[in-house]
Amino acid sequence: MGELTDKIKGNVNEAIGKVKQQSDNPDKRDEGAGQEIKGKGQQFIGKVKGALGDDI
């Protein structure tokens, strides 16, 4: 995956996670928190790939 793909997936996961955290269901809130963290990680990976190049 390239830099842009990772950043896009990260943004999507972070947004979906934030929406899930608004739920009344505690399981969905926990799932949303995890998905938001996953999205932030994907964005970070995209930034690293951008800095180092897609050859890593």
PDB file of N, CA and C in Angstrom:
ATOM      1  N   MET A   1       0.832  -1.183   0.000  1.00  0.00           N
ATOM      2  CA  MET A   1       0.000   0.000   0.000  1.00  0.00           C
ATOM      3  C   MET A   1       0.876   1.245   0.000  1.00  0.00           C
ATOM      4  N   GLY A   2       0.387   2.249  -0.645  1.00  0.00           N
ATOM      5  CA  GLY A   2       1.132   3.483  -0.705  1.00  0.00           C
ATOM      6  C   GLY A   2       0.761   4.437   0.412  1.00  0.00           C
ATOM      7  N   GLU A   3       1.463   5.511   0.415  1.00  0.00           N
ATOM      8  CA  GLU A   3       1.265   6.545   1.431  1.00  0.00           C
ATOM      9  C   GLU A   3      -0.169   7.063   1.433  1.00  0.00           C
ATOM     10  N   LEU A   4      -0.681   7.417   0.269  1.00  0.00           N
ATOM     11  CA  LEU A   4      -2.021   7.987   0.178  1.00  0.00           C
ATOM     12  C   LEU A   4      -3.085   6.984   0.624  1.00  0.00           C
ATOM     13  N   THR A   5      -2.930   5.732   0.238  1.00  0.00           N
ATOM     14  CA  THR A   5      -3.891   4.690   0.613  1.00  0.00           C
ATOM     15  C   THR A   5      -3.948   4.531   2.126  1.00  0.00           C
ATOM     16  N   ASP A   6      -2.795   4.513   2.777  1.00  0.00           N
ATOM     17  CA  ASP A   6      -2.760   4.379   4.236  1.00  0.00           C
ATOM     18  C   ASP A   6      -3.421   5.565   4.911  1.00  0.00           C
ATOM     19  N   LYS A   7      -3.157   6.755   4.408  1.00  0.00           N
ATOM     20  CA  LYS A   7      -3.748   7.956   5.003  1.00  0.00           C
ATOM     21  C   LYS A   7      -5.270   7.961   4.846  1.00  0.00           C
ATOM     22  N   ILE A   8      -5.749   7.559   3.678  1.00  0.00           N
ATOM     23  CA  ILE A   8      -7.197   7.523   3.447  1.00  0.00           C
ATOM     24  C   ILE A   8      -7.860   6.496   4.355  1.00  0.00           C
ATOM     25  N   LYS A   9      -7.292   5.291   4.413  1.00  0.00           N
ATOM     26  CA  LYS A   9      -7.857   4.253   5.291  1.00  0.00           C
ATOM     27  C   LYS A   9      -7.829   4.708   6.747  1.00  0.00           C
ATOM     28  N   GLY A  10      -6.774   5.396   7.126  1.00  0.00           N
ATOM     29  CA  GLY A  10      -6.671   5.905   8.483  1.00  0.00           C
ATOM     30  C   GLY A  10      -7.749   6.925   8.790  1.00  0.00           C
ATOM     31  N   ASN A  11      -7.984   7.835   7.866  1.00  0.00           N
ATOM     32  CA  ASN A  11      -9.030   8.841   8.062  1.00  0.00           C
ATOM     33  C   ASN A  11     -10.404   8.207   8.166  1.00  0.00           C
ATOM     34  N   VAL A  12     -10.668   7.203   7.326  1.00  0.00           N
ATOM     35  CA  VAL A  12     -11.966   6.521   7.344  1.00  0.00           C
ATOM     36  C   VAL A  12     -12.159   5.794   8.674  1.00  0.00           C
ATOM     37  N   ASN A  13     -11.157   5.028   9.099  1.00  0.00           N
ATOM     38  CA  ASN A  13     -11.278   4.295  10.355  1.00  0.00           C
ATOM     39  C   ASN A  13     -11.434   5.241  11.544  1.00  0.00           C
ATOM     40  N   GLU A  14     -10.716   6.349  11.522  1.00  0.00           N
ATOM     41  CA  GLU A  14     -10.823   7.306  12.618  1.00  0.00           C
ATOM     42  C   GLU A  14     -12.228   7.916  12.663  1.00  0.00           C
ATOM     43  N   ALA A  15     -12.770   8.273  11.513  1.00  0.00           N
ATOM     44  CA  ALA A  15     -14.113   8.865  11.463  1.00  0.00           C
ATOM     45  C   ALA A  15     -15.179   7.872  11.919  1.00  0.00           C
ATOM     46  N   ILE A  16     -15.101   6.641  11.436  1.00  0.00           N
ATOM     47  CA  ILE A  16     -16.079   5.619  11.828  1.00  0.00           C
ATOM     48  C   ILE A  16     -15.967   5.343  13.327  1.00  0.00           C
ATOM     49  N   GLY A  17     -14.736   5.307  13.825  1.00  0.00           N
ATOM     50  CA  GLY A  17     -14.535   5.084  15.254  1.00  0.00           C
ATOM     51  C   GLY A  17     -15.166   6.175  16.101  1.00  0.00           C
ATOM     52  N   LYS A  18     -15.036   7.418  15.657  1.00  0.00           N
ATOM     53  CA  LYS A  18     -15.629   8.531  16.396  1.00  0.00           C
ATOM     54  C   LYS A  18     -17.149   8.438  16.416  1.00  0.00           C
ATOM     55  N   VAL A  19     -17.741   8.025  15.296  1.00  0.00           N
ATOM     56  CA  VAL A  19     -19.198   7.866  15.229  1.00  0.00           C
ATOM     57  C   VAL A  19     -19.647   6.753  16.172  1.00  0.00           C
ATOM     58  N   LYS A  20     -18.935   5.632  16.163  1.00  0.00           N
ATOM     59  CA  LYS A  20     -19.297   4.503  17.028  1.00  0.00           C
ATOM     60  C   LYS A  20     -19.203   4.875  18.502  1.00  0.00           C
ATOM     61  N   GLN A  21     -18.305   5.781  18.850  1.00  0.00           N
ATOM     62  CA  GLN A  21     -18.146   6.176  20.251  1.00  0.00           C
ATOM     63  C   GLN A  21     -19.342   6.979  20.757  1.00  0.00           C
ATOM     64  N   GLN A  22     -20.188   7.463  19.860  1.00  0.00           N
ATOM     65  CA  GLN A  22     -21.377   8.210  20.251  1.00  0.00           C
ATOM     66  C   GLN A  22     -22.555   7.293  20.589  1.00  0.00           C
ATOM     67  N   SER A  23     -22.382   5.996  20.412  1.00  0.00           N
ATOM     68  CA  SER A  23     -23.438   5.020  20.628  1.00  0.00           C
ATOM     69  C   SER A  23     -23.770   4.879  22.118  1.00  0.00           C
ATOM     70  N   ASP A  24     -24.990   4.437  22.383  1.00  0.00           N
ATOM     71  CA  ASP A  24     -25.393   4.145  23.753  1.00  0.00           C
ATOM     72  C   ASP A  24     -24.890   2.777  24.212  1.00  0.00           C
ATOM     73  N   ASN A  25     -24.507   1.943  23.266  1.00  0.00           N
ATOM     74  CA  ASN A  25     -24.029   0.598  23.551  1.00  0.00           C
ATOM     75  C   ASN A  25     -22.550   0.656  23.964  1.00  0.00           C
ATOM     76  N   PRO A  26     -22.219   0.216  25.183  1.00  0.00           N
ATOM     77  CA  PRO A  26     -20.825   0.279  25.637  1.00  0.00           C
ATOM     78  C   PRO A  26     -19.867  -0.535  24.771  1.00  0.00           C
ATOM     79  N   ASP A  27     -20.340  -1.644  24.214  1.00  0.00           N
ATOM     80  CA  ASP A  27     -19.474  -2.448  23.345  1.00  0.00           C
ATOM     81  C   ASP A  27     -19.119  -1.677  22.073  1.00  0.00           C
ATOM     82  N   LYS A  28     -20.094  -0.971  21.521  1.00  0.00           N
ATOM     83  CA  LYS A  28     -19.843  -0.167  20.319  1.00  0.00           C
ATOM     84  C   LYS A  28     -18.890   0.984  20.636  1.00  0.00           C
ATOM     85  N   ARG A  29     -19.026   1.583  21.817  1.00  0.00           N
ATOM     86  CA  ARG A  29     -18.116   2.670  22.203  1.00  0.00           C
ATOM     87  C   ARG A  29     -16.690   2.165  22.280  1.00  0.00           C
ATOM     88  N   ASP A  30     -16.503   0.988  22.882  1.00  0.00           N
ATOM     89  CA  ASP A  30     -15.160   0.407  22.985  1.00  0.00           C
ATOM     90  C   ASP A  30     -14.613   0.059  21.600  1.00  0.00           C
ATOM     91  N   GLU A  31     -15.473  -0.511  20.769  1.00  0.00           N
ATOM     92  CA  GLU A  31     -15.058  -0.852  19.405  1.00  0.00           C
ATOM     93  C   GLU A  31     -14.659   0.419  18.642  1.00  0.00           C
ATOM     94  N   GLY A  32     -15.417   1.481  18.845  1.00  0.00           N
ATOM     95  CA  GLY A  32     -15.120   2.743  18.186  1.00  0.00           C
ATOM     96  C   GLY A  32     -13.800   3.329  18.637  1.00  0.00           C
ATOM     97  N   ALA A  33     -13.512   3.224  19.920  1.00  0.00           N
ATOM     98  CA  ALA A  33     -12.237   3.737  20.432  1.00  0.00           C
ATOM     99  C   ALA A  33     -11.072   2.977  19.803  1.00  0.00           C
ATOM    100  N   GLY A  34     -11.206   1.676  19.708  1.00  0.00           N
ATOM    101  CA  GLY A  34     -10.160   0.863  19.076  1.00  0.00           C
ATOM    102  C   GLY A  34      -9.995   1.189  17.609  1.00  0.00           C
ATOM    103  N   GLN A  35     -11.112   1.404  16.933  1.00  0.00           N
ATOM    104  CA  GLN A  35     -11.046   1.711  15.505  1.00  0.00           C
ATOM    105  C   GLN A  35     -10.421   3.089  15.279  1.00  0.00           C
ATOM    106  N   GLU A  36     -10.694   4.027  16.166  1.00  0.00           N
ATOM    107  CA  GLU A  36     -10.072   5.350  16.042  1.00  0.00           C
ATOM    108  C   GLU A  36      -8.554   5.254  16.218  1.00  0.00           C
ATOM    109  N   ILE A  37      -8.118   4.461  17.184  1.00  0.00           N
ATOM    110  CA  ILE A  37      -6.676   4.272  17.408  1.00  0.00           C
ATOM    111  C   ILE A  37      -6.048   3.599  16.187  1.00  0.00           C
ATOM    112  N   LYS A  38      -6.739   2.609  15.623  1.00  0.00           N
ATOM    113  CA  LYS A  38      -6.238   1.937  14.419  1.00  0.00           C
ATOM    114  C   LYS A  38      -6.074   2.952  13.288  1.00  0.00           C
ATOM    115  N   GLY A  39      -7.044   3.837  13.141  1.00  0.00           N
ATOM    116  CA  GLY A  39      -6.974   4.850  12.095  1.00  0.00           C
ATOM    117  C   GLY A  39      -5.799   5.791  12.284  1.00  0.00           C
ATOM    118  N   LYS A  40      -5.545   6.181  13.515  1.00  0.00           N
ATOM    119  CA  LYS A  40      -4.404   7.056  13.787  1.00  0.00           C
ATOM    120  C   LYS A  40      -3.093   6.344  13.456  1.00  0.00           C
ATOM    121  N   GLY A  41      -3.040   5.053  13.738  1.00  0.00           N
ATOM    122  CA  GLY A  41      -1.852   4.276  13.403  1.00  0.00           C
ATOM    123  C   GLY A  41      -1.639   4.186  11.902  1.00  0.00           C
ATOM    124  N   GLN A  42      -2.725   3.987  11.164  1.00  0.00           N
ATOM    125  CA  GLN A  42      -2.623   3.915   9.709  1.00  0.00           C
ATOM    126  C   GLN A  42      -2.153   5.252   9.134  1.00  0.00           C
ATOM    127  N   GLN A  43      -2.648   6.341   9.693  1.00  0.00           N
ATOM    128  CA  GLN A  43      -2.213   7.653   9.224  1.00  0.00           C
ATOM    129  C   GLN A  43      -0.724   7.852   9.495  1.00  0.00           C
ATOM    130  N   PHE A  44      -0.277   7.407  10.650  1.00  0.00           N
ATOM    131  CA  PHE A  44       1.136   7.524  10.996  1.00  0.00           C
ATOM    132  C   PHE A  44       1.997   6.722  10.016  1.00  0.00           C
ATOM    133  N   ILE A  45       1.563   5.518   9.703  1.00  0.00           N
ATOM    134  CA  ILE A  45       2.298   4.683   8.740  1.00  0.00           C
ATOM    135  C   ILE A  45       2.367   5.387   7.391  1.00  0.00           C
ATOM    136  N   GLY A  46       1.262   6.019   6.993  1.00  0.00           N
ATOM    137  CA  GLY A  46       1.261   6.759   5.733  1.00  0.00           C
ATOM    138  C   GLY A  46       2.253   7.910   5.753  1.00  0.00           C
ATOM    139  N   LYS A  47       2.356   8.594   6.882  1.00  0.00           N
ATOM    140  CA  LYS A  47       3.314   9.698   6.999  1.00  0.00           C
ATOM    141  C   LYS A  47       4.744   9.181   6.930  1.00  0.00           C
ATOM    142  N   VAL A  48       5.002   8.060   7.569  1.00  0.00           N
ATOM    143  CA  VAL A  48       6.346   7.480   7.548  1.00  0.00           C
ATOM    144  C   VAL A  48       6.703   7.071   6.114  1.00  0.00           C
ATOM    145  N   LYS A  49       5.764   6.426   5.431  1.00  0.00           N
ATOM    146  CA  LYS A  49       6.010   6.035   4.045  1.00  0.00           C
ATOM    147  C   LYS A  49       6.272   7.260   3.185  1.00  0.00           C
ATOM    148  N   GLY A  50       5.562   8.338   3.456  1.00  0.00           N
ATOM    149  CA  GLY A  50       5.772   9.563   2.700  1.00  0.00           C
ATOM    150  C   GLY A  50       7.154  10.134   2.928  1.00  0.00           C
ATOM    151  N   ALA A  51       7.629  10.047   4.151  1.00  0.00           N
ATOM    152  CA  ALA A  51       8.942  10.583   4.470  1.00  0.00           C
ATOM    153  C   ALA A  51      10.073   9.708   3.930  1.00  0.00           C
ATOM    154  N   LEU A  52       9.861   8.388   3.961  1.00  0.00           N
ATOM    155  CA  LEU A  52      10.916   7.460   3.550  1.00  0.00           C
ATOM    156  C   LEU A  52      10.785   6.987   2.104  1.00  0.00           C
ATOM    157  N   GLY A  53       9.616   7.167   1.554  1.00  0.00           N
ATOM    158  CA  GLY A  53       9.359   6.650   0.208  1.00  0.00           C
ATOM    159  C   GLY A  53       8.602   5.340   0.315  1.00  0.00           C
ATOM    160  N   ASP A  54       7.925   4.960  -0.741  1.00  0.00           N
ATOM    161  CA  ASP A  54       7.098   3.747  -0.733  1.00  0.00           C
ATOM    162  C   ASP A  54       7.920   2.469  -0.840  1.00  0.00           C
ATOM    163  N   ASP A  55       9.232   2.572  -0.885  1.00  0.00           N
ATOM    164  CA  ASP A  55      10.078   1.392  -1.063  1.00  0.00           C
ATOM    165  C   ASP A  55      10.305   0.610   0.215  1.00  0.00           C
ATOM    166  N   ILE A  56       9.775   1.060   1.343  1.00  0.00           N
ATOM    167  CA  ILE A  56      10.023   0.361   2.602  1.00  0.00           C
ATOM    168  C   ILE A  56       9.171  -0.865   2.725  1.00  0.00           C
TER     169      ILE A  56
END
